Amino acid sequence: MREVLPELLAWWRAGETIGVGTVVATFQSAPRPPGASMLVGPDESAVGSVSGGCVEGAVYELAQSVVESGPPVLERYGVSDDDAFAVGLTCGGILDVFVEKVSRETFPELEEVAADIEAGRPVALATVIEHPDPSWLGRRIVVRPDTPAVSTLGSPRADAAVHDDALGLLASGSNATLTYGPDGERRGEGMRVFVWGFAPKPRMLVFGAIDFAAAVAKVGSFLGYHVTVCDARPVFATHSRFPEADEVVVDWPHRYLAAEAEAGRVDGRTVITVLTHDPKFDVPLLEVALRLPDVAYVGAMGSRRTHEDRVARLREAGVDDKEIERLSSPIGLDLGARTPEETAISIAAEIVAGRWGGSGERLAAVDGRIHRDLT
């Protein structure tokens, strides 16, 4: 929903009714992840995508029908001998798409939820997508940390169960479809609830205000990270040199990272790129980074000779082999990159591969599924 929220909110504020189709579950090689949304506006325009073009036409027609008739619909799109080309899903995947109509009447909390997302405040949205009682379909609760849920799904028991699970998804910024008994029973089937977890953007910390850092910051921003560039040299660490970064900080890298970790602003989604390749900066920094209990990625730039020297210095500083194994160095995948932009792509590719469990090999040379499950 995040990518179509501006258009959705504009129509909602104008008092319009919008058809919204959302991917709530995927199987096999589905092209878009859970949470991907497509809008059908009052002017009959389509915004967003649920399948990269495969089933948009079918979802568009269904959304128009839902806007006219009212009740939400959970539809599965897949491939069979009869319908493969009828719906256009030729990739072999299967999608569950929940289609509903959104207006001020059906979703009065939208503006407040949008404000939370825009401000980077964590908020989760849980919607009933399947239930034996059709009147439950489309009911939703808004979940925020340390506050009671807004609205109700239909019973206190269901609200409590979904609220607790939504908080867990919110902590990781994940989306998921959860299954319960009809009244929220933990062991049971009948009710399915889709939860969007709108957590603040994950962080990318780029240390070293060099030309490669500008390219890494640009790619990191493109991938959806909140990007911080940090360097101890004020003449180089300037906003004019790093316009794509959300923040540019003048501080000693190891001191800044330690302070951010102490303040709770470094978590399991944070990626750290060390581009200084200068021992007086990167060794103290890596001492801190490699001892953090839970970060997604730590990579350091430099030649193989620089890497060997860096590892020797880290061992002298007391960093053990298990901690050193967490270091991706030389940084990036082997793409043959030479320019800062190409190098940034190789670094981003390694981060993405680590996030999703990819091998980094050419897909043409690898068997099995293209898309891996979220871990």
Protein backbone atom coordinates (compact mmCIF):
# COMPACT_ATOMS: atom_id res chain seq x y z
CA MET A 1 0.00 0.00 0.00
CA ARG A 2 2.84 2.39 0.77
CA GLU A 3 3.63 3.07 -2.89
CA VAL A 4 0.03 3.97 -3.81
CA LEU A 5 -0.83 5.82 -0.61
CA PRO A 6 -0.57 9.39 -2.01
CA GLU A 7 -3.16 8.71 -4.73
CA LEU A 8 -5.38 6.72 -2.37
CA LEU A 9 -5.35 9.48 0.22
CA ALA A 10 -6.08 12.21 -2.34
CA TRP A 11 -9.19 10.40 -3.59
CA TRP A 12 -10.26 9.56 -0.02
CA ARG A 13 -9.99 13.21 1.01
CA ALA A 14 -12.12 14.18 -1.99
CA GLY A 15 -14.86 11.87 -0.73
CA GLU A 16 -14.44 9.36 -3.53
CA THR A 17 -14.73 5.56 -3.38
CA ILE A 18 -11.71 3.60 -4.58
CA GLY A 19 -11.32 -0.05 -5.51
CA VAL A 20 -8.22 -1.54 -3.85
CA GLY A 21 -6.69 -4.91 -4.68
CA THR A 22 -3.93 -6.17 -2.39
CA VAL A 23 -1.73 -9.24 -2.65
CA VAL A 24 -2.24 -11.06 0.66
CA ALA A 25 -0.48 -14.37 -0.08
CA THR A 26 1.82 -15.76 -2.76
CA PHE A 27 2.90 -19.24 -3.80
CA GLN A 28 5.67 -20.41 -6.12
CA SER A 29 7.12 -17.72 -8.41
CA ALA A 30 4.63 -14.93 -7.78
CA PRO A 31 5.96 -11.64 -9.20
CA ARG A 32 4.89 -9.26 -6.40
CA PRO A 33 5.13 -9.75 -2.63
CA PRO A 34 2.31 -9.62 -0.07
CA GLY A 35 1.29 -6.02 0.51
CA ALA A 36 1.58 -4.92 -3.12
CA SER A 37 -1.55 -2.96 -4.03
CA MET A 38 -3.38 -1.65 -7.08
CA LEU A 39 -6.02 1.09 -7.04
CA VAL A 40 -8.92 1.59 -9.40
CA GLY A 41 -9.80 5.25 -9.11
CA PRO A 42 -13.13 7.05 -9.58
CA ASP A 43 -11.87 8.22 -12.98
CA GLU A 44 -11.33 4.53 -13.93
CA SER A 45 -7.55 4.94 -13.83
CA ALA A 46 -5.31 2.19 -12.44
CA VAL A 47 -2.48 2.98 -10.03
CA GLY A 48 0.07 0.46 -8.79
CA SER A 49 0.45 -3.24 -9.51
CA VAL A 50 -0.33 -6.60 -7.93
CA SER A 51 1.52 -8.82 -10.38
CA GLY A 52 3.85 -6.78 -12.59
CA GLY A 53 1.25 -6.86 -15.37
CA CYS A 54 0.15 -10.50 -15.23
CA VAL A 55 -3.35 -10.26 -13.75
CA GLU A 56 -3.95 -6.53 -13.56
CA GLY A 57 -6.80 -6.68 -16.06
CA ALA A 58 -8.72 -9.27 -14.06
CA VAL A 59 -8.16 -7.43 -10.77
CA TYR A 60 -9.20 -4.14 -12.40
CA GLU A 61 -12.55 -5.60 -13.47
CA LEU A 62 -13.10 -7.23 -10.07
CA ALA A 63 -12.33 -3.96 -8.28
CA GLN A 64 -14.87 -2.12 -10.42
CA SER A 65 -17.45 -4.76 -9.54
CA VAL A 66 -16.68 -4.52 -5.81
CA VAL A 67 -17.02 -0.73 -5.86
CA GLU A 68 -20.45 -1.13 -7.46
CA SER A 69 -21.75 -4.07 -5.39
CA GLY A 70 -20.01 -3.53 -2.06
CA PRO A 71 -18.82 -6.80 -0.43
CA PRO A 72 -15.05 -7.46 -0.41
CA VAL A 73 -13.76 -10.46 -2.38
CA LEU A 74 -10.77 -12.75 -1.86
CA GLU A 75 -9.71 -14.13 -5.24
CA ARG A 76 -6.96 -16.61 -6.15
CA TYR A 77 -5.16 -16.23 -9.47
CA GLY A 78 -3.01 -19.08 -10.74
CA VAL A 79 -2.12 -21.19 -13.72
CA SER A 80 -4.08 -24.13 -15.09
CA ASP A 81 -4.63 -25.54 -18.53
CA ASP A 82 -7.89 -23.62 -18.82
CA ASP A 83 -7.11 -20.24 -17.33
CA ALA A 84 -3.38 -19.64 -17.76
CA PHE A 85 -3.75 -17.18 -20.57
CA ALA A 86 -7.21 -16.01 -19.58
CA VAL A 87 -5.74 -14.18 -16.60
CA GLY A 88 -2.26 -13.82 -18.03
CA LEU A 89 -0.37 -15.30 -15.06
CA THR A 90 2.17 -17.16 -17.18
CA CYS A 91 5.03 -17.03 -14.65
CA GLY A 92 3.74 -20.13 -12.85
CA GLY A 93 2.93 -18.34 -9.60
CA ILE A 94 -0.24 -18.15 -7.54
CA LEU A 95 -1.61 -14.99 -5.95
CA ASP A 96 -4.32 -14.43 -3.37
CA VAL A 97 -5.69 -10.92 -3.93
CA PHE A 98 -8.12 -9.23 -1.55
CA VAL A 99 -10.28 -6.65 -3.29
CA GLU A 100 -12.26 -4.09 -1.30
CA LYS A 101 -13.69 -0.62 -1.67
CA VAL A 102 -12.13 2.20 0.35
CA SER A 103 -13.87 5.43 1.27
CA ARG A 104 -14.29 7.73 4.23
CA GLU A 105 -17.13 5.48 5.36
CA THR A 106 -15.34 2.13 5.05
CA PHE A 107 -11.90 3.30 6.24
CA PRO A 108 -12.26 6.39 8.47
CA GLU A 109 -8.82 5.83 10.02
CA LEU A 110 -6.92 6.17 6.73
CA GLU A 111 -5.68 9.73 7.20
CA GLU A 112 -4.24 8.99 10.65
CA VAL A 113 -2.58 5.81 9.37
CA ALA A 114 -1.11 7.73 6.41
CA ALA A 115 0.23 10.40 8.78
CA ASP A 116 1.98 7.71 10.84
CA ILE A 117 3.54 6.16 7.75
CA GLU A 118 4.72 9.53 6.43
CA ALA A 119 6.24 10.48 9.80
CA GLY A 120 8.00 7.13 10.18
CA ARG A 121 5.92 6.14 13.21
CA PRO A 122 5.30 2.37 13.43
CA VAL A 123 1.73 1.36 12.66
CA ALA A 124 0.13 -1.93 11.58
CA LEU A 125 -3.13 -2.48 9.76
CA ALA A 126 -4.92 -5.82 10.22
CA THR A 127 -7.83 -6.68 7.89
CA VAL A 128 -10.11 -9.73 7.93
CA ILE A 129 -9.89 -11.28 4.46
CA GLU A 130 -11.68 -14.58 5.09
CA HIS A 131 -14.33 -15.61 7.65
CA PRO A 132 -17.37 -17.93 7.88
CA ASP A 133 -19.49 -14.90 8.72
CA PRO A 134 -19.44 -12.60 5.66
CA SER A 135 -20.13 -9.56 7.85
CA TRP A 136 -16.61 -9.84 9.27
CA LEU A 137 -14.96 -9.42 5.84
CA GLY A 138 -13.10 -6.15 5.49
CA ARG A 139 -13.16 -5.34 9.21
CA ARG A 140 -9.86 -3.93 10.39
CA ILE A 141 -7.98 -2.78 13.44
CA VAL A 142 -5.13 -0.27 13.60
CA VAL A 143 -2.27 -1.37 15.84
CA ARG A 144 0.37 0.92 17.34
CA PRO A 145 2.99 0.14 19.98
CA ASP A 146 1.94 0.88 23.57
CA THR A 147 -1.62 1.89 22.65
CA PRO A 148 -4.92 -0.02 22.47
CA ALA A 149 -6.13 -1.16 19.07
CA VAL A 150 -8.38 1.20 17.11
CA SER A 151 -11.75 -0.25 16.02
CA THR A 152 -12.61 -3.97 16.28
CA LEU A 153 -12.63 -7.09 14.16
CA GLY A 154 -15.75 -8.45 15.80
CA SER A 155 -14.87 -9.77 19.25
CA PRO A 156 -12.45 -8.94 22.11
CA ARG A 157 -10.81 -12.35 21.75
CA ALA A 158 -10.07 -11.86 18.05
CA ASP A 159 -8.88 -8.30 18.67
CA ALA A 160 -6.45 -9.43 21.40
CA ALA A 161 -4.96 -12.28 19.36
CA VAL A 162 -4.47 -10.25 16.20
CA HIS A 163 -3.20 -7.22 18.14
CA ASP A 164 -0.41 -9.28 19.74
CA ASP A 165 0.63 -10.90 16.47
CA ALA A 166 0.51 -7.59 14.59
CA LEU A 167 2.92 -6.07 17.11
CA GLY A 168 5.37 -8.86 16.34
CA LEU A 169 5.14 -8.22 12.60
CA LEU A 170 5.44 -4.50 13.21
CA ALA A 171 8.75 -4.99 15.03
CA SER A 172 10.26 -6.43 11.85
CA GLY A 173 8.31 -4.33 9.36
CA SER A 174 6.81 -7.47 7.83
CA ASN A 175 3.52 -8.25 6.11
CA ALA A 176 1.78 -11.60 6.60
CA THR A 177 -1.52 -13.45 6.41
CA LEU A 178 -2.41 -15.01 9.77
CA THR A 179 -4.87 -17.82 10.42
CA TYR A 180 -7.16 -18.21 13.46
CA GLY A 181 -10.38 -19.85 14.48
CA PRO A 182 -13.55 -17.86 13.75
CA ASP A 183 -13.36 -16.05 17.10
CA GLY A 184 -9.59 -15.56 17.13
CA GLU A 185 -8.73 -18.99 18.53
CA ARG A 186 -5.01 -19.65 18.30
CA ARG A 187 -5.58 -23.22 17.23
CA GLY A 188 -8.14 -23.30 14.53
CA GLU A 189 -9.07 -22.28 11.04
CA GLY A 190 -11.75 -20.19 9.45
CA MET A 191 -10.52 -16.64 9.87
CA ARG A 192 -7.62 -15.21 7.89
CA VAL A 193 -6.26 -11.76 8.64
CA PHE A 194 -3.81 -9.82 6.51
CA VAL A 195 -1.42 -7.57 8.44
CA TRP A 196 0.57 -4.72 6.95
CA GLY A 197 3.48 -3.80 9.21
CA PHE A 198 4.47 -0.21 8.42
CA ALA A 199 7.69 0.17 10.36
CA PRO A 200 10.12 3.05 9.80
CA LYS A 201 12.46 2.56 6.86
CA PRO A 202 15.43 0.28 7.53
CA ARG A 203 18.72 2.12 7.91
CA MET A 204 21.78 2.11 5.67
CA LEU A 205 24.85 3.56 7.38
CA VAL A 206 27.54 4.60 4.90
CA PHE A 207 30.89 5.38 6.50
CA GLY A 208 33.44 7.31 4.46
CA ALA A 209 32.56 10.45 2.49
CA ILE A 210 34.17 9.39 -0.79
CA ASP A 211 32.85 9.29 -4.35
CA PHE A 212 31.80 5.66 -3.96
CA ALA A 213 29.69 6.68 -0.95
CA ALA A 214 27.59 9.04 -3.09
CA ALA A 215 26.71 6.18 -5.43
CA VAL A 216 25.99 3.79 -2.55
CA ALA A 217 23.75 6.40 -0.91
CA LYS A 218 21.82 6.84 -4.15
CA VAL A 219 21.25 3.11 -4.60
CA GLY A 220 20.39 2.69 -0.92
CA SER A 221 17.75 5.40 -1.16
CA PHE A 222 16.35 3.72 -4.29
CA LEU A 223 16.05 0.43 -2.37
CA GLY A 224 14.03 2.15 0.34
CA TYR A 225 16.64 2.65 3.06
CA HIS A 226 16.98 5.69 5.29
CA VAL A 227 20.55 6.56 4.35
CA THR A 228 23.09 8.18 6.66
CA VAL A 229 26.58 9.15 5.47
CA CYS A 230 29.12 9.64 8.26
CA ASP A 231 32.71 10.90 8.15
CA ALA A 232 34.95 12.67 10.63
CA ARG A 233 36.15 15.19 8.02
CA PRO A 234 33.75 18.16 7.74
CA VAL A 235 35.19 19.33 4.44
CA PHE A 236 34.01 16.11 2.78
CA ALA A 237 30.87 15.26 4.79
CA THR A 238 28.48 17.82 3.31
CA HIS A 239 24.90 17.65 2.06
CA SER A 240 25.93 19.14 -1.28
CA ARG A 241 28.20 16.13 -1.94
CA PHE A 242 25.54 13.61 -0.88
CA PRO A 243 22.15 14.93 -2.02
CA GLU A 244 20.59 11.44 -2.02
CA ALA A 245 21.37 10.85 1.67
CA ASP A 246 18.74 11.50 4.32
CA GLU A 247 21.43 12.54 6.79
CA VAL A 248 25.08 13.59 6.60
CA VAL A 249 26.88 13.39 9.92
CA VAL A 250 30.29 14.76 10.90
CA ASP A 251 31.67 12.50 13.62
CA TRP A 252 34.20 9.75 14.17
CA PRO A 253 32.54 6.68 12.64
CA HIS A 254 33.08 4.34 15.59
CA ARG A 255 31.78 6.91 18.04
CA TYR A 256 28.70 7.64 15.96
CA LEU A 257 27.85 3.96 15.47
CA ALA A 258 28.28 3.17 19.15
CA ALA A 259 26.02 6.08 20.11
CA GLU A 260 23.33 5.05 17.60
CA ALA A 261 23.41 1.46 18.85
CA GLU A 262 23.21 2.63 22.46
CA ALA A 263 20.18 4.77 21.56
CA GLY A 264 18.41 1.78 19.99
CA ARG A 265 18.58 3.13 16.44
CA VAL A 266 20.44 0.11 15.01
CA ASP A 267 18.46 -3.11 14.55
CA GLY A 268 18.27 -6.34 12.61
CA ARG A 269 17.36 -4.55 9.37
CA THR A 270 20.31 -2.14 9.48
CA VAL A 271 23.05 -2.47 6.86
CA ILE A 272 26.52 -1.01 7.42
CA THR A 273 28.94 -0.19 4.60
CA VAL A 274 32.50 0.82 5.49
CA LEU A 275 34.10 2.62 2.56
CA THR A 276 36.94 4.41 4.36
CA HIS A 277 39.67 1.78 3.76
CA ASP A 278 41.82 3.72 6.23
CA PRO A 279 42.85 1.77 9.36
CA LYS A 280 42.48 4.72 11.71
CA PHE A 281 38.81 4.94 10.74
CA ASP A 282 37.69 1.46 9.77
CA VAL A 283 39.36 -0.72 12.43
CA PRO A 284 37.76 1.03 15.44
CA LEU A 285 34.49 1.20 13.48
CA LEU A 286 34.50 -2.50 12.63
CA GLU A 287 35.30 -3.37 16.24
CA VAL A 288 31.95 -1.81 17.11
CA ALA A 289 30.02 -3.04 14.06
CA LEU A 290 31.06 -6.69 14.24
CA ARG A 291 30.15 -6.91 17.92
CA LEU A 292 26.63 -5.58 17.47
CA PRO A 293 24.26 -8.45 18.28
CA ASP A 294 21.84 -8.00 15.42
CA VAL A 295 22.52 -6.19 12.14
CA ALA A 296 21.66 -7.39 8.67
CA TYR A 297 24.97 -6.70 6.94
CA VAL A 298 28.48 -5.36 7.53
CA GLY A 299 30.66 -4.82 4.46
CA ALA A 300 34.03 -3.12 4.07
CA MET A 301 35.70 -1.80 0.93
CA GLY A 302 39.30 -2.44 -0.01
CA SER A 303 41.65 -4.68 -1.96
CA ARG A 304 42.45 -8.21 -0.82
CA ARG A 305 45.73 -6.91 0.62
CA THR A 306 43.79 -4.24 2.51
CA HIS A 307 41.41 -6.92 3.74
CA GLU A 308 44.24 -9.11 5.05
CA ASP A 309 45.82 -6.16 6.83
CA ARG A 310 42.45 -5.13 8.25
CA VAL A 311 41.74 -8.64 9.59
CA ALA A 312 45.18 -8.77 11.24
CA ARG A 313 44.53 -5.43 12.93
CA LEU A 314 41.07 -6.55 14.07
CA ARG A 315 42.54 -9.68 15.63
CA GLU A 316 45.17 -7.57 17.41
CA ALA A 317 42.29 -5.48 18.75
CA GLY A 318 40.63 -8.60 20.19
CA VAL A 319 37.96 -9.27 17.56
CA ASP A 320 37.54 -13.05 17.35
CA ASP A 321 37.16 -15.26 14.29
CA LYS A 322 33.41 -15.72 14.73
CA GLU A 323 32.91 -11.97 14.73
CA ILE A 324 35.22 -11.53 11.72
CA GLU A 325 33.16 -14.12 9.79
CA ARG A 326 30.28 -11.62 9.81
CA LEU A 327 32.34 -9.21 7.68
CA SER A 328 31.76 -9.06 3.92
CA SER A 329 35.14 -7.99 2.62
CA PRO A 330 36.08 -7.14 -0.05
CA ILE A 331 32.59 -5.67 -0.22
CA GLY A 332 30.05 -6.56 -2.91
CA LEU A 333 29.45 -9.34 -5.42
CA ASP A 334 31.82 -10.18 -8.24
CA LEU A 335 30.29 -8.15 -11.07
CA GLY A 336 33.58 -6.88 -12.46
CA ALA A 337 32.54 -3.41 -11.30
CA ARG A 338 34.94 -0.49 -11.80
CA THR A 339 33.08 2.81 -11.52
CA PRO A 340 31.49 4.07 -8.28
CA GLU A 341 28.04 3.43 -9.74
CA GLU A 342 28.88 -0.12 -10.79
CA THR A 343 30.46 -0.78 -7.40
CA ALA A 344 27.35 0.51 -5.67
CA ILE A 345 25.27 -1.97 -7.67
CA SER A 346 27.56 -4.83 -6.62
CA ILE A 347 27.22 -3.79 -2.95
CA ALA A 348 23.44 -3.48 -3.24
CA ALA A 349 23.29 -6.88 -4.96
CA GLU A 350 25.13 -8.49 -2.06
CA ILE A 351 22.79 -6.84 0.45
CA VAL A 352 19.70 -8.02 -1.47
CA ALA A 353 21.11 -11.55 -1.85
CA GLY A 354 21.75 -11.71 1.88
CA ARG A 355 18.29 -10.42 2.67
CA TRP A 356 16.48 -13.01 0.57
CA GLY A 357 18.95 -15.91 0.67
CA GLY A 358 20.07 -15.54 -2.94
CA SER A 359 23.24 -17.17 -4.24
CA GLY A 360 24.46 -14.24 -6.33
CA GLU A 361 24.82 -16.54 -9.34
CA ARG A 362 23.21 -16.02 -12.74
CA LEU A 363 19.59 -17.18 -12.67
CA ALA A 364 20.13 -18.95 -15.97
CA ALA A 365 22.68 -21.20 -14.23
CA VAL A 366 20.54 -21.96 -11.15
CA ASP A 367 17.66 -24.42 -10.85
CA GLY A 368 14.65 -24.11 -8.56
CA ARG A 369 12.43 -21.23 -7.52
CA ILE A 370 13.38 -17.66 -8.43
CA HIS A 371 11.65 -16.03 -5.45
CA ARG A 372 12.53 -17.22 -1.97
CA ASP A 373 10.37 -17.00 1.12
CA LEU A 374 10.81 -14.14 3.56
CA THR A 375 13.00 -15.12 6.51
